[in-house]
Structures are given as C-alpha cells and as structure tokens.
Amino acid sequence: MTLHDLPAVNASLNALSAVLLTCGYIFIRRGNQIAHRNCMVTALITSALFLTGYLTYHYNYGSTRFVEPQSFRPYYLTLLLSHTILAVVIVPMILVTASRALRARFDKHKKIARWTWPLWMYVSVTGVIVYLILYQIYPQTKPAPETSALTSPQSHPAKTNSSRIDI
C-alpha cells in the first residue's frame, strides 16, 4: 500500500463509520446497550484511523483542487464546505458524548448524542461522497507529493531516500 491508496482507504473508513453509527443507533433503540457501546467505540476508532490517514495524505500531497467540470464545481464546493465545517465541529462533540457515556452520565450523554449522531453520520456519508466525486466520478489531477519519509519509492522512483517507509 502507498500514500496514493489513502483516499480510497479513508473513504472506506468513513463508510464503515457510517455503518457502525447506523448499527449503534439501531441497537440503542432496541435497548441493547452493550452492542450500542461496541458499535460506537468501534466507530470512534474507525474515525480516528480515518483522521490519521487523512492528515498523512494531505501532509504529503497537499490539497486536490476540483477544477473540471466547471458546471459541477459549485455543487462540489458547497458539499465540501458543509462537510469540512461539520467535521471540525463534530470532533469535540464526539469526545464529549463518549466521555459522558464512559462516566455513565447517560442522561447528559443522551442529550448531546441527539445532536452528535446526525452530524457524525452526515460527515461520514459526505466524506464518502466527496471521495467519489473527487477521485472516481470526476477524477482531478493530483499534485506531486512533498518529500517525506512516508513517500513510497514505487510511486516516485526518481526520488531516492533510504529512510522511506511503505505503508
């Protein structure tokens, strides 16, 4: 696996988070607190793995700009803006929600979870949609990666750095 593969991996992690969030919601509605907890903790771990992969990719490659088709660009940018703003907002909300559950403060957990769950779900689903638009439906030209210890020699054979690590 190389850094080039991270967008697809990240989209898969977002999709898995959405599935886990859905299952967690269903389980708590049915009164199965243990299954709910397990799904939500796994969704939290999956989202943390996504964030690590996202930051790693963008540290090395920078941003991928949506250029073509111009006619679709306003729709994409609107989706991306809402996704990005809510992705920033949701992180502390997830941490507070999880903290309240771990401290068995379920009354307070439930109050914030009513807001956290739909926002987290929106961010997870729109993350997959952003990936599909940017890398599958309307693939954009990707910038060359910055020099990094994580850059794969297979994707950049002209670079020689013996400290590189394939991921």
Protein backbone atom coordinates (compact mmCIF):
# COMPACT_ATOMS: atom_id res chain seq x y z
CA MET A 1 0.00 0.00 0.00
CA THR A 2 1.23 3.50 -0.82
CA LEU A 3 0.14 7.01 0.06
CA HIS A 4 -1.67 7.05 -3.28
CA ASP A 5 -4.10 4.47 -1.83
CA LEU A 6 -5.07 6.55 1.21
CA PRO A 7 -8.08 8.38 -0.31
CA ALA A 8 -9.79 5.04 -1.03
CA VAL A 9 -8.84 3.69 2.39
CA ASN A 10 -10.12 6.87 4.04
CA ALA A 11 -13.41 6.67 2.14
CA SER A 12 -13.76 3.05 3.23
CA LEU A 13 -13.15 4.05 6.85
CA ASN A 14 -15.81 6.77 6.53
CA ALA A 15 -18.26 4.25 5.05
CA LEU A 16 -17.51 1.79 7.84
CA SER A 17 -18.09 4.55 10.40
CA ALA A 18 -21.49 5.26 8.85
CA VAL A 19 -22.42 1.57 9.03
CA LEU A 20 -21.28 1.36 12.66
CA LEU A 21 -23.17 4.52 13.55
CA THR A 22 -26.32 3.09 11.97
CA CYS A 23 -25.94 -0.20 13.83
CA GLY A 24 -25.23 1.63 17.09
CA TYR A 25 -28.39 3.70 16.64
CA ILE A 26 -30.48 0.62 15.93
CA PHE A 27 -29.01 -1.22 18.93
CA ILE A 28 -29.73 1.58 21.40
CA ARG A 29 -33.28 1.94 20.05
CA ARG A 30 -33.75 -1.77 20.76
CA GLY A 31 -32.29 -1.40 24.25
CA ASN A 32 -29.09 -3.33 23.56
CA GLN A 33 -26.63 -1.06 25.35
CA ILE A 34 -23.64 -3.41 25.07
CA ALA A 35 -23.93 -3.75 21.28
CA HIS A 36 -24.54 0.01 21.04
CA ARG A 37 -21.40 0.72 23.06
CA ASN A 38 -19.33 -1.68 20.97
CA CYS A 39 -20.50 -0.13 17.70
CA MET A 40 -19.92 3.41 18.89
CA VAL A 41 -16.44 2.69 20.28
CA THR A 42 -15.53 0.98 17.01
CA ALA A 43 -16.94 3.94 15.05
CA LEU A 44 -14.78 6.26 17.16
CA ILE A 45 -11.67 4.16 16.47
CA THR A 46 -12.54 3.96 12.76
CA SER A 47 -12.97 7.73 12.61
CA ALA A 48 -9.64 8.24 14.40
CA LEU A 49 -7.95 5.96 11.85
CA PHE A 50 -9.61 7.98 9.08
CA LEU A 51 -8.32 11.24 10.55
CA THR A 52 -4.79 9.82 10.78
CA GLY A 53 -4.91 8.69 7.14
CA TYR A 54 -6.44 11.97 6.01
CA LEU A 55 -3.78 14.08 7.73
CA THR A 56 -0.99 11.82 6.45
CA TYR A 57 -2.24 12.03 2.87
CA HIS A 58 -2.73 15.79 2.87
CA TYR A 59 0.57 16.41 4.65
CA ASN A 60 2.32 14.62 1.79
CA TYR A 61 0.14 15.53 -1.21
CA GLY A 62 -1.49 18.79 -0.19
CA SER A 63 -4.97 19.56 -1.45
CA THR A 64 -6.59 18.21 -4.59
CA ARG A 65 -8.47 21.02 -6.30
CA PHE A 66 -11.76 20.41 -8.06
CA VAL A 67 -11.34 22.07 -11.45
CA GLU A 68 -13.41 20.17 -14.01
CA PRO A 69 -16.21 20.14 -14.87
CA GLN A 70 -16.75 23.78 -14.02
CA SER A 71 -20.51 23.31 -14.15
CA PHE A 72 -20.40 20.92 -11.17
CA ARG A 73 -17.82 22.85 -9.15
CA PRO A 74 -20.34 24.99 -7.15
CA TYR A 75 -22.21 21.86 -6.05
CA TYR A 76 -19.00 20.12 -5.05
CA LEU A 77 -17.69 23.16 -3.15
CA THR A 78 -21.00 23.56 -1.29
CA LEU A 79 -20.89 19.92 -0.23
CA LEU A 80 -17.21 20.18 0.71
CA LEU A 81 -17.79 23.35 2.75
CA SER A 82 -20.62 21.84 4.78
CA HIS A 83 -18.62 18.62 5.25
CA THR A 84 -15.48 20.48 6.37
CA ILE A 85 -17.22 22.82 8.81
CA LEU A 86 -19.17 19.99 10.41
CA ALA A 87 -16.07 17.75 10.51
CA VAL A 88 -14.36 20.39 12.67
CA VAL A 89 -17.44 20.89 14.85
CA ILE A 90 -18.09 17.19 15.36
CA VAL A 91 -14.72 16.21 16.86
CA PRO A 92 -15.23 17.86 20.27
CA MET A 93 -18.88 16.79 20.25
CA ILE A 94 -17.85 13.15 19.76
CA LEU A 95 -15.31 13.41 22.57
CA VAL A 96 -17.84 14.96 24.99
CA THR A 97 -20.51 12.41 24.03
CA ALA A 98 -18.11 9.49 24.51
CA SER A 99 -16.78 10.94 27.76
CA ARG A 100 -20.26 11.22 29.22
CA ALA A 101 -21.04 7.63 28.27
CA LEU A 102 -17.77 6.34 29.73
CA ARG A 103 -18.52 8.14 33.01
CA ALA A 104 -22.03 6.59 33.00
CA ARG A 105 -23.66 10.03 32.81
CA PHE A 106 -26.26 8.67 30.45
CA ASP A 107 -28.77 11.49 30.94
CA LYS A 108 -26.21 14.05 29.70
CA HIS A 109 -24.86 11.58 27.13
CA LYS A 110 -28.30 11.19 25.60
CA LYS A 111 -28.86 14.95 25.39
CA ILE A 112 -25.72 15.62 23.36
CA ALA A 113 -25.89 12.35 21.41
CA ARG A 114 -29.13 13.58 19.82
CA TRP A 115 -27.00 16.24 18.10
CA THR A 116 -23.74 14.33 17.75
CA TRP A 117 -25.12 11.28 15.96
CA PRO A 118 -26.75 13.02 12.96
CA LEU A 119 -23.78 15.36 12.48
CA TRP A 120 -21.29 12.49 12.72
CA MET A 121 -23.39 10.49 10.27
CA TYR A 122 -23.55 13.44 7.86
CA VAL A 123 -19.78 13.92 8.00
CA SER A 124 -19.14 10.20 7.44
CA VAL A 125 -21.52 9.93 4.49
CA THR A 126 -20.48 13.19 2.85
CA GLY A 127 -16.84 12.12 3.25
CA VAL A 128 -17.58 9.14 1.03
CA ILE A 129 -19.46 11.34 -1.45
CA VAL A 130 -16.56 13.83 -1.61
CA TYR A 131 -14.18 10.94 -2.33
CA LEU A 132 -16.44 9.55 -5.06
CA ILE A 133 -16.77 12.95 -6.74
CA LEU A 134 -13.11 13.92 -6.47
CA TYR A 135 -11.45 10.58 -7.27
CA GLN A 136 -13.99 8.43 -9.14
CA ILE A 137 -16.73 10.42 -10.88
CA TYR A 138 -14.69 13.49 -11.84
CA PRO A 139 -11.05 12.50 -11.18
CA GLN A 140 -8.87 15.55 -10.71
CA THR A 141 -5.16 15.85 -11.36
CA LYS A 142 -3.30 15.20 -8.12
CA PRO A 143 -0.30 17.29 -7.14
CA ALA A 144 3.07 15.61 -6.67
CA PRO A 145 3.73 14.70 -3.04
CA GLU A 146 6.10 16.63 -0.83
CA THR A 147 9.32 14.87 0.10
CA SER A 148 8.59 12.77 3.17
CA ALA A 149 9.78 9.68 4.96
CA LEU A 150 6.37 8.19 4.19
CA THR A 151 6.58 8.63 0.42
CA SER A 152 6.61 5.30 -1.36
CA PRO A 153 9.50 4.61 -3.75
CA GLN A 154 7.14 2.74 -6.11
CA SER A 155 5.04 5.84 -6.69
CA HIS A 156 8.07 8.14 -7.09
CA PRO A 157 11.02 6.12 -8.46
CA ALA A 158 13.07 9.24 -9.25
CA LYS A 159 13.36 10.06 -5.55
CA THR A 160 15.98 8.19 -3.61
CA ASN A 161 15.73 8.28 0.15
CA SER A 162 16.66 5.19 2.10
CA SER A 163 14.54 6.26 5.09
CA ARG A 164 11.23 5.85 3.21
CA ILE A 165 8.62 3.52 4.61
CA ASP A 166 5.91 1.83 2.56
CA ILE A 167 2.53 1.90 4.26
